[in-house]
Amino acid sequence: MNIEKTREFCLSIKGAEECFPFDETTLVFKVMGKMFAYMGLEQHDGGFMINLKCDPEKAVELREKYNCVIPGYHSNKKYWNSIYLESGMPADELRAWIQHSVDEVIKKLPKKTQEEYRNLKDEQ
């Protein structure tokens, strides 16, 4: 997926918001006030990339499966992966990893906030 389609998909996540908390070139996506993805609006090493939260074991598996996946750029490499867009990962799989990132964020929230998110998803 290209950067525009990736942005559209991130915004299609229930309750997703976008913002620029770091600088004017790093787009951050949040649910329930917590970051689930971020991507630079400028190319890095010849391509655009998205950074996604990931279960630590799955993060390693994903890096081994795809050359376009590296340990999280400017983030905790145990929990974050950077994925170069338009570099070999099928769009459906990228969408699944974006949803996985959202799920990882939601499961770390307090139970009450998780319930609020579930209700939000049901309403939309």
N, C-alpha and C. Protein backbone atom coordinates (compact mmCIF):
# COMPACT_ATOMS: atom_id res chain seq x y z
N MET A 1 0.84 -1.19 0.00
CA MET A 1 0.00 0.00 0.00
C MET A 1 0.88 1.24 0.00
N ASN A 2 0.41 2.27 -0.66
CA ASN A 2 1.16 3.51 -0.65
C ASN A 2 0.80 4.32 0.60
N ILE A 3 1.46 5.43 0.78
CA ILE A 3 1.30 6.22 2.01
C ILE A 3 -0.13 6.77 2.15
N GLU A 4 -0.75 7.17 1.04
CA GLU A 4 -2.11 7.72 1.11
C GLU A 4 -3.12 6.65 1.52
N LYS A 5 -3.01 5.47 0.92
CA LYS A 5 -3.95 4.38 1.26
C LYS A 5 -3.72 3.90 2.69
N THR A 6 -2.46 3.91 3.12
CA THR A 6 -2.16 3.51 4.50
C THR A 6 -2.80 4.50 5.47
N ARG A 7 -2.67 5.79 5.19
CA ARG A 7 -3.30 6.81 6.03
C ARG A 7 -4.82 6.61 6.07
N GLU A 8 -5.43 6.40 4.91
CA GLU A 8 -6.88 6.19 4.85
C GLU A 8 -7.29 5.00 5.71
N PHE A 9 -6.53 3.91 5.62
CA PHE A 9 -6.89 2.74 6.42
C PHE A 9 -6.75 3.02 7.91
N CYS A 10 -5.67 3.67 8.31
CA CYS A 10 -5.48 4.00 9.73
C CYS A 10 -6.64 4.84 10.24
N LEU A 11 -7.09 5.79 9.44
CA LEU A 11 -8.21 6.64 9.86
C LEU A 11 -9.55 5.90 9.85
N SER A 12 -9.61 4.76 9.14
CA SER A 12 -10.86 3.98 9.11
C SER A 12 -11.03 3.15 10.39
N ILE A 13 -9.98 3.03 11.19
CA ILE A 13 -10.05 2.30 12.46
C ILE A 13 -11.01 3.06 13.37
N LYS A 14 -11.90 2.34 14.01
CA LYS A 14 -12.88 2.97 14.89
C LYS A 14 -12.18 3.80 15.97
N GLY A 15 -12.59 5.05 16.07
CA GLY A 15 -12.05 5.93 17.09
C GLY A 15 -10.68 6.51 16.78
N ALA A 16 -10.16 6.25 15.57
CA ALA A 16 -8.81 6.73 15.24
C ALA A 16 -8.78 8.24 15.02
N GLU A 17 -7.68 8.81 15.46
CA GLU A 17 -7.41 10.23 15.26
C GLU A 17 -5.99 10.36 14.73
N GLU A 18 -5.73 11.44 14.02
CA GLU A 18 -4.37 11.70 13.57
C GLU A 18 -3.91 13.04 14.14
N CYS A 19 -2.61 13.14 14.38
CA CYS A 19 -2.07 14.37 14.92
C CYS A 19 -0.57 14.44 14.60
N PHE A 20 0.03 15.58 14.92
CA PHE A 20 1.45 15.80 14.70
C PHE A 20 2.09 16.24 16.02
N PRO A 21 2.20 15.35 17.01
CA PRO A 21 2.73 15.77 18.32
C PRO A 21 4.25 15.97 18.36
N PHE A 22 4.98 15.41 17.42
CA PHE A 22 6.44 15.48 17.45
C PHE A 22 6.99 16.59 16.58
N ASP A 23 6.53 16.63 15.34
CA ASP A 23 6.98 17.65 14.38
C ASP A 23 5.98 17.66 13.23
N GLU A 24 6.24 18.50 12.23
CA GLU A 24 5.28 18.63 11.13
C GLU A 24 5.43 17.56 10.06
N THR A 25 6.36 16.62 10.23
CA THR A 25 6.54 15.58 9.23
C THR A 25 6.30 14.17 9.76
N THR A 26 5.91 14.04 11.03
CA THR A 26 5.64 12.72 11.60
C THR A 26 4.17 12.63 11.97
N LEU A 27 3.41 11.89 11.19
CA LEU A 27 1.98 11.73 11.39
C LEU A 27 1.74 10.59 12.37
N VAL A 28 1.00 10.88 13.43
CA VAL A 28 0.73 9.89 14.48
C VAL A 28 -0.76 9.55 14.48
N PHE A 29 -1.06 8.26 14.62
CA PHE A 29 -2.43 7.78 14.71
C PHE A 29 -2.66 7.23 16.11
N LYS A 30 -3.80 7.62 16.69
CA LYS A 30 -4.11 7.21 18.07
C LYS A 30 -5.53 6.67 18.16
N VAL A 31 -5.73 5.78 19.13
CA VAL A 31 -7.06 5.37 19.58
C VAL A 31 -7.08 5.56 21.09
N MET A 32 -8.17 6.09 21.61
CA MET A 32 -8.31 6.31 23.05
C MET A 32 -7.11 7.07 23.61
N GLY A 33 -6.57 7.99 22.81
CA GLY A 33 -5.46 8.82 23.24
C GLY A 33 -4.10 8.14 23.22
N LYS A 34 -4.04 6.90 22.73
CA LYS A 34 -2.77 6.15 22.72
C LYS A 34 -2.34 5.87 21.27
N MET A 35 -1.06 6.00 21.03
CA MET A 35 -0.50 5.84 19.70
C MET A 35 -0.49 4.37 19.28
N PHE A 36 -1.02 4.11 18.08
CA PHE A 36 -0.93 2.76 17.53
C PHE A 36 -0.08 2.72 16.26
N ALA A 37 0.17 3.87 15.66
CA ALA A 37 0.99 3.91 14.45
C ALA A 37 1.53 5.32 14.25
N TYR A 38 2.66 5.39 13.58
CA TYR A 38 3.16 6.69 13.14
C TYR A 38 3.99 6.49 11.89
N MET A 39 3.99 7.53 11.06
CA MET A 39 4.76 7.44 9.83
C MET A 39 5.26 8.81 9.43
N GLY A 40 6.45 8.81 8.87
CA GLY A 40 7.04 10.04 8.37
C GLY A 40 6.44 10.40 7.03
N LEU A 41 6.26 11.67 6.81
CA LEU A 41 5.75 12.14 5.54
C LEU A 41 6.88 12.42 4.55
N GLU A 42 8.09 12.13 5.00
CA GLU A 42 9.26 12.20 4.12
C GLU A 42 9.86 10.80 4.03
N GLN A 43 10.46 10.50 2.90
CA GLN A 43 11.03 9.18 2.71
C GLN A 43 12.26 8.98 3.58
N HIS A 44 12.43 7.73 4.00
CA HIS A 44 13.59 7.33 4.79
C HIS A 44 14.27 6.18 4.05
N ASP A 45 15.52 6.35 3.72
CA ASP A 45 16.26 5.33 2.96
C ASP A 45 15.52 4.93 1.69
N GLY A 46 14.96 5.91 1.01
CA GLY A 46 14.33 5.67 -0.28
C GLY A 46 12.89 5.24 -0.26
N GLY A 47 12.25 5.21 0.90
CA GLY A 47 10.84 4.82 0.94
C GLY A 47 10.13 5.36 2.15
N PHE A 48 8.82 5.28 2.10
CA PHE A 48 8.00 5.66 3.25
C PHE A 48 7.84 4.44 4.14
N MET A 49 7.74 4.68 5.45
CA MET A 49 7.54 3.57 6.36
C MET A 49 6.49 3.92 7.40
N ILE A 50 5.87 2.89 7.92
CA ILE A 50 4.93 3.04 9.03
C ILE A 50 5.50 2.25 10.21
N ASN A 51 5.32 2.78 11.39
CA ASN A 51 5.77 2.13 12.62
C ASN A 51 4.54 1.63 13.36
N LEU A 52 4.55 0.34 13.70
CA LEU A 52 3.40 -0.30 14.34
C LEU A 52 3.81 -1.03 15.60
N LYS A 53 2.95 -0.95 16.60
CA LYS A 53 3.17 -1.71 17.83
C LYS A 53 2.90 -3.19 17.51
N CYS A 54 3.65 -4.08 18.17
CA CYS A 54 3.53 -5.49 17.84
C CYS A 54 3.87 -6.34 19.06
N ASP A 55 3.18 -7.44 19.20
CA ASP A 55 3.54 -8.44 20.20
C ASP A 55 5.00 -8.81 19.97
N PRO A 56 5.83 -8.83 21.02
CA PRO A 56 7.27 -9.07 20.83
C PRO A 56 7.62 -10.32 20.04
N GLU A 57 6.94 -11.43 20.28
CA GLU A 57 7.24 -12.66 19.53
C GLU A 57 6.83 -12.53 18.07
N LYS A 58 5.68 -11.94 17.84
CA LYS A 58 5.23 -11.75 16.46
C LYS A 58 6.11 -10.74 15.73
N ALA A 59 6.64 -9.76 16.48
CA ALA A 59 7.51 -8.75 15.87
C ALA A 59 8.71 -9.42 15.22
N VAL A 60 9.33 -10.36 15.93
CA VAL A 60 10.49 -11.06 15.40
C VAL A 60 10.10 -11.91 14.20
N GLU A 61 8.98 -12.61 14.29
CA GLU A 61 8.52 -13.44 13.18
C GLU A 61 8.30 -12.60 11.92
N LEU A 62 7.71 -11.44 12.10
CA LEU A 62 7.42 -10.57 10.97
C LEU A 62 8.71 -10.06 10.32
N ARG A 63 9.69 -9.74 11.14
CA ARG A 63 10.99 -9.28 10.62
C ARG A 63 11.68 -10.40 9.83
N GLU A 64 11.52 -11.63 10.31
CA GLU A 64 12.13 -12.76 9.61
C GLU A 64 11.42 -13.08 8.30
N LYS A 65 10.15 -12.83 8.24
CA LYS A 65 9.35 -13.16 7.06
C LYS A 65 9.54 -12.15 5.93
N TYR A 66 9.69 -10.86 6.28
CA TYR A 66 9.75 -9.81 5.27
C TYR A 66 11.01 -8.96 5.41
N ASN A 67 11.69 -8.73 4.30
CA ASN A 67 12.85 -7.84 4.29
C ASN A 67 12.43 -6.38 4.52
N CYS A 68 11.17 -6.06 4.24
CA CYS A 68 10.69 -4.69 4.37
C CYS A 68 10.32 -4.34 5.81
N VAL A 69 10.51 -5.27 6.73
CA VAL A 69 10.20 -5.03 8.15
C VAL A 69 11.51 -5.00 8.93
N ILE A 70 11.67 -3.93 9.69
CA ILE A 70 12.87 -3.77 10.51
C ILE A 70 12.45 -3.44 11.94
N PRO A 71 13.36 -3.59 12.91
CA PRO A 71 13.03 -3.15 14.27
C PRO A 71 12.62 -1.68 14.26
N GLY A 72 11.70 -1.32 15.13
CA GLY A 72 11.12 0.01 15.15
C GLY A 72 12.12 1.15 15.10
N TYR A 73 11.98 1.99 14.08
CA TYR A 73 12.82 3.16 13.90
C TYR A 73 12.44 4.21 14.93
N HIS A 74 13.38 4.67 15.71
CA HIS A 74 13.15 5.66 16.78
C HIS A 74 12.10 5.20 17.78
N SER A 75 12.10 3.91 18.11
CA SER A 75 11.11 3.40 19.07
C SER A 75 11.68 2.16 19.77
N ASN A 76 10.94 1.66 20.74
CA ASN A 76 11.35 0.47 21.47
C ASN A 76 11.29 -0.72 20.51
N LYS A 77 12.44 -1.24 20.17
CA LYS A 77 12.54 -2.28 19.16
C LYS A 77 11.94 -3.62 19.58
N LYS A 78 11.67 -3.77 20.85
CA LYS A 78 11.01 -4.98 21.32
C LYS A 78 9.53 -4.98 20.93
N TYR A 79 8.91 -3.81 20.97
CA TYR A 79 7.47 -3.71 20.78
C TYR A 79 7.03 -3.03 19.49
N TRP A 80 7.96 -2.48 18.74
CA TRP A 80 7.60 -1.74 17.54
C TRP A 80 8.38 -2.25 16.34
N ASN A 81 7.69 -2.31 15.21
CA ASN A 81 8.31 -2.62 13.92
C ASN A 81 8.11 -1.44 12.99
N SER A 82 9.06 -1.25 12.10
CA SER A 82 8.92 -0.31 11.01
C SER A 82 8.75 -1.13 9.74
N ILE A 83 7.75 -0.78 8.96
CA ILE A 83 7.45 -1.50 7.72
C ILE A 83 7.54 -0.52 6.57
N TYR A 84 8.43 -0.81 5.62
CA TYR A 84 8.52 0.02 4.43
C TYR A 84 7.29 -0.25 3.56
N LEU A 85 6.61 0.81 3.20
CA LEU A 85 5.44 0.69 2.35
C LEU A 85 5.88 0.43 0.91
N GLU A 86 5.03 -0.25 0.16
CA GLU A 86 5.29 -0.56 -1.24
C GLU A 86 6.59 -1.35 -1.42
N SER A 87 6.86 -2.25 -0.48
CA SER A 87 8.12 -3.01 -0.53
C SER A 87 7.92 -4.51 -0.37
N GLY A 88 6.79 -5.02 -0.78
CA GLY A 88 6.63 -6.45 -0.80
C GLY A 88 5.60 -7.05 0.14
N MET A 89 5.12 -6.30 1.10
CA MET A 89 4.09 -6.86 1.98
C MET A 89 2.71 -6.64 1.34
N PRO A 90 1.93 -7.72 1.19
CA PRO A 90 0.59 -7.56 0.62
C PRO A 90 -0.26 -6.60 1.45
N ALA A 91 -1.12 -5.85 0.76
CA ALA A 91 -1.95 -4.84 1.41
C ALA A 91 -2.82 -5.44 2.51
N ASP A 92 -3.39 -6.62 2.26
CA ASP A 92 -4.24 -7.25 3.28
C ASP A 92 -3.45 -7.56 4.54
N GLU A 93 -2.22 -7.99 4.37
CA GLU A 93 -1.40 -8.31 5.53
C GLU A 93 -1.01 -7.03 6.28
N LEU A 94 -0.69 -5.98 5.56
CA LEU A 94 -0.38 -4.71 6.22
C LEU A 94 -1.59 -4.22 7.02
N ARG A 95 -2.77 -4.32 6.44
CA ARG A 95 -3.98 -3.91 7.17
C ARG A 95 -4.16 -4.76 8.43
N ALA A 96 -3.88 -6.05 8.34
CA ALA A 96 -3.99 -6.92 9.51
C ALA A 96 -2.99 -6.52 10.59
N TRP A 97 -1.78 -6.13 10.21
CA TRP A 97 -0.78 -5.71 11.20
C TRP A 97 -1.13 -4.37 11.81
N ILE A 98 -1.76 -3.50 11.05
CA ILE A 98 -2.23 -2.23 11.62
C ILE A 98 -3.30 -2.53 12.67
N GLN A 99 -4.24 -3.43 12.35
CA GLN A 99 -5.28 -3.79 13.32
C GLN A 99 -4.65 -4.46 14.53
N HIS A 100 -3.64 -5.30 14.33
CA HIS A 100 -2.93 -5.93 15.45
C HIS A 100 -2.33 -4.86 16.36
N SER A 101 -1.78 -3.82 15.78
CA SER A 101 -1.21 -2.72 16.56
C SER A 101 -2.29 -2.06 17.42
N VAL A 102 -3.45 -1.82 16.84
CA VAL A 102 -4.57 -1.25 17.60
C VAL A 102 -4.94 -2.18 18.75
N ASP A 103 -5.05 -3.46 18.46
CA ASP A 103 -5.40 -4.44 19.49
C ASP A 103 -4.37 -4.46 20.62
N GLU A 104 -3.09 -4.35 20.27
CA GLU A 104 -2.03 -4.32 21.28
C GLU A 104 -2.17 -3.09 22.19
N VAL A 105 -2.52 -1.97 21.62
CA VAL A 105 -2.71 -0.75 22.40
C VAL A 105 -3.93 -0.88 23.31
N ILE A 106 -5.03 -1.36 22.76
CA ILE A 106 -6.27 -1.46 23.53
C ILE A 106 -6.12 -2.42 24.70
N LYS A 107 -5.45 -3.54 24.51
CA LYS A 107 -5.35 -4.53 25.58
C LYS A 107 -4.50 -4.05 26.76
N LYS A 108 -3.72 -3.01 26.57
CA LYS A 108 -2.91 -2.45 27.66
C LYS A 108 -3.65 -1.36 28.44
N LEU A 109 -4.80 -0.97 27.98
CA LEU A 109 -5.59 0.07 28.65
C LEU A 109 -6.31 -0.50 29.86
N PRO A 110 -6.68 0.36 30.80
CA PRO A 110 -7.50 -0.12 31.93
C PRO A 110 -8.80 -0.75 31.41
N LYS A 111 -9.31 -1.71 32.15
CA LYS A 111 -10.52 -2.45 31.73
C LYS A 111 -11.67 -1.51 31.39
N LYS A 112 -11.85 -0.47 32.18
CA LYS A 112 -12.94 0.48 31.92
C LYS A 112 -12.76 1.16 30.56
N THR A 113 -11.53 1.53 30.24
CA THR A 113 -11.25 2.18 28.96
C THR A 113 -11.41 1.19 27.81
N GLN A 114 -11.03 -0.06 28.02
CA GLN A 114 -11.24 -1.09 27.01
C GLN A 114 -12.73 -1.24 26.71
N GLU A 115 -13.53 -1.22 27.76
CA GLU A 115 -14.99 -1.32 27.58
C GLU A 115 -15.53 -0.12 26.81
N GLU A 116 -15.02 1.06 27.13
CA GLU A 116 -15.43 2.27 26.40
C GLU A 116 -15.10 2.13 24.91
N TYR A 117 -13.92 1.57 24.63
CA TYR A 117 -13.54 1.39 23.23
C TYR A 117 -14.45 0.38 22.54
N ARG A 118 -14.74 -0.73 23.22
CA ARG A 118 -15.66 -1.72 22.63
C ARG A 118 -17.01 -1.08 22.34
N ASN A 119 -17.50 -0.26 23.24
CA ASN A 119 -18.77 0.41 23.01
C ASN A 119 -18.68 1.38 21.86
N LEU A 120 -17.56 2.06 21.74
CA LEU A 120 -17.34 2.98 20.62
C LEU A 120 -17.39 2.22 19.31
N LYS A 121 -16.75 1.07 19.25
CA LYS A 121 -16.75 0.26 18.04
C LYS A 121 -18.17 -0.17 17.68
N ASP A 122 -18.99 -0.51 18.69
CA ASP A 122 -20.35 -0.94 18.45
C ASP A 122 -21.22 0.18 17.90
N GLU A 123 -20.93 1.42 18.33
CA GLU A 123 -21.74 2.57 17.92
C GLU A 123 -21.45 3.00 16.49
N GLN A 124 -20.23 2.77 16.03
CA GLN A 124 -19.86 3.31 14.71
C GLN A 124 -20.12 2.35 13.59
